[in-house]
Amino acid sequence: MSEQLLLSSSIIAVLAISIPFLFLATSKLGTRNKGPHAKNMAYESGVTKPIGGSDNPFSVKFYLVALLFVLFDVEIIFMLPWAVNVRSLGLFGLVEMFIFMILLLAGLFYIYKAKALTWQ
């Protein structure tokens, strides 16, 4: 048997024995609190008694702003490698990036015209 196979199988065996043992030990040795605890209560930025229930729906505006943030944040991921390699890409790379930015700007204008970011 090779040394690598012996090492990997012994690591797997140790993990297979120790992980269930650790779960069992923490469940037996840990403290048990009966009754209402703080971990079962809602906590909202220091407010001990929150207003409303947890099943109240959020406004769609929150999700829309989050998606728009992710969309326009991903553009930075595409622009950073371009900025690093702008000289080696030449004129073709410059034109490609301007087309990309024009498309993103068109999307931003569409969002602005559709009044998707107005909070009323």
Protein backbone atom coordinates (compact mmCIF):
# COMPACT_ATOMS: atom_id res chain seq x y z
CA MET A 1 0.00 0.00 0.00
CA SER A 2 1.40 3.39 -0.87
CA GLU A 3 2.15 5.98 1.78
CA GLN A 4 -0.34 8.48 0.36
CA LEU A 5 -3.18 5.98 0.37
CA LEU A 6 -2.34 4.95 3.93
CA LEU A 7 -2.22 8.59 5.07
CA SER A 8 -5.50 9.56 3.39
CA SER A 9 -7.34 6.49 4.67
CA SER A 10 -6.09 7.09 8.21
CA ILE A 11 -7.20 10.76 8.05
CA ILE A 12 -10.66 9.69 6.86
CA ALA A 13 -10.87 7.07 9.62
CA VAL A 14 -9.88 9.58 12.32
CA LEU A 15 -12.45 12.07 11.05
CA ALA A 16 -15.15 9.40 10.81
CA ILE A 17 -14.58 8.50 14.45
CA SER A 18 -13.89 11.92 15.96
CA ILE A 19 -16.69 14.01 14.41
CA PRO A 20 -19.60 11.90 15.72
CA PHE A 21 -17.80 11.61 19.06
CA LEU A 22 -17.51 15.41 19.29
CA PHE A 23 -21.20 15.87 18.46
CA LEU A 24 -22.15 13.33 21.12
CA ALA A 25 -19.82 14.88 23.70
CA THR A 26 -21.18 18.39 23.18
CA SER A 27 -24.77 17.20 23.43
CA LYS A 28 -24.09 15.33 26.68
CA LEU A 29 -21.74 17.85 28.33
CA GLY A 30 -23.49 21.02 27.23
CA THR A 31 -25.89 22.91 29.46
CA ARG A 32 -29.61 22.54 28.94
CA ASN A 33 -31.83 25.53 29.59
CA LYS A 34 -35.49 24.80 29.87
CA GLY A 35 -38.02 27.53 29.36
CA PRO A 36 -37.79 30.72 27.32
CA HIS A 37 -34.26 31.69 26.39
CA ALA A 38 -32.78 34.65 24.69
CA LYS A 39 -31.76 32.62 21.66
CA ASN A 40 -35.39 31.91 20.80
CA MET A 41 -36.43 35.57 20.97
CA ALA A 42 -36.32 37.92 18.02
CA TYR A 43 -33.51 40.48 18.01
CA GLU A 44 -33.71 43.46 15.72
CA SER A 45 -30.92 45.97 16.23
CA GLY A 46 -31.33 46.23 19.98
CA VAL A 47 -35.13 46.35 19.94
CA THR A 48 -36.28 43.75 22.42
CA LYS A 49 -39.93 43.76 21.35
CA PRO A 50 -40.09 43.96 17.56
CA ILE A 51 -43.08 45.47 15.83
CA GLY A 52 -45.08 42.98 13.81
CA GLY A 53 -44.43 39.35 13.09
CA SER A 54 -41.66 37.71 11.14
CA ASP A 55 -44.08 36.64 8.43
CA ASN A 56 -44.82 40.18 7.22
CA PRO A 57 -43.75 40.46 3.58
CA PHE A 58 -41.07 42.90 2.52
CA SER A 59 -41.72 45.43 -0.16
CA VAL A 60 -40.59 44.39 -3.63
CA LYS A 61 -38.50 47.57 -3.72
CA PHE A 62 -35.98 46.05 -1.30
CA TYR A 63 -35.44 43.05 -3.56
CA LEU A 64 -35.28 45.27 -6.63
CA VAL A 65 -32.61 47.50 -5.10
CA ALA A 66 -30.62 44.43 -4.00
CA LEU A 67 -30.75 42.93 -7.49
CA LEU A 68 -29.79 46.21 -9.10
CA PHE A 69 -26.88 46.57 -6.69
CA VAL A 70 -25.63 43.09 -7.58
CA LEU A 71 -26.08 43.77 -11.29
CA PHE A 72 -24.14 47.01 -11.27
CA ASP A 73 -21.58 45.66 -8.82
CA VAL A 74 -20.75 42.78 -11.16
CA GLU A 75 -19.82 45.33 -13.80
CA ILE A 76 -16.81 46.23 -11.66
CA ILE A 77 -15.71 42.59 -11.80
CA PHE A 78 -15.63 42.86 -15.59
CA MET A 79 -14.03 46.30 -15.68
CA LEU A 80 -11.08 45.57 -13.38
CA PRO A 81 -9.32 43.02 -15.62
CA TRP A 82 -9.98 45.28 -18.58
CA ALA A 83 -8.36 48.22 -16.76
CA VAL A 84 -5.30 46.10 -15.97
CA ASN A 85 -4.89 44.95 -19.59
CA VAL A 86 -6.12 48.05 -21.43
CA ARG A 87 -2.80 48.68 -23.19
CA SER A 88 -2.41 45.13 -24.45
CA LEU A 89 -6.01 44.99 -25.70
CA GLY A 90 -5.58 48.04 -27.88
CA LEU A 91 -8.35 49.86 -29.70
CA PHE A 92 -10.55 46.75 -29.98
CA GLY A 93 -10.59 46.35 -26.18
CA LEU A 94 -11.37 50.03 -25.72
CA VAL A 95 -14.31 49.89 -28.13
CA GLU A 96 -15.61 46.71 -26.47
CA MET A 97 -15.54 48.31 -23.05
CA PHE A 98 -17.30 51.43 -24.28
CA ILE A 99 -20.06 49.26 -25.78
CA PHE A 100 -20.33 47.40 -22.46
CA MET A 101 -20.56 50.65 -20.51
CA ILE A 102 -23.11 52.10 -22.94
CA LEU A 103 -25.31 49.02 -22.46
CA LEU A 104 -25.06 49.34 -18.68
CA LEU A 105 -25.82 53.06 -18.90
CA ALA A 106 -28.86 52.29 -21.08
CA GLY A 107 -30.07 49.88 -18.39
CA LEU A 108 -29.57 52.52 -15.72
CA PHE A 109 -31.55 55.07 -17.77
CA TYR A 110 -34.32 52.52 -18.26
CA ILE A 111 -34.47 51.92 -14.50
CA TYR A 112 -34.57 55.66 -13.91
CA LYS A 113 -37.32 56.24 -16.51
CA ALA A 114 -39.38 53.34 -15.14
CA LYS A 115 -39.10 55.01 -11.70
CA ALA A 116 -37.99 51.74 -10.19
CA LEU A 117 -35.97 53.51 -7.51
CA THR A 118 -38.64 55.95 -6.27
CA TRP A 119 -39.79 55.25 -2.72
CA GLN A 120 -43.42 56.26 -2.31
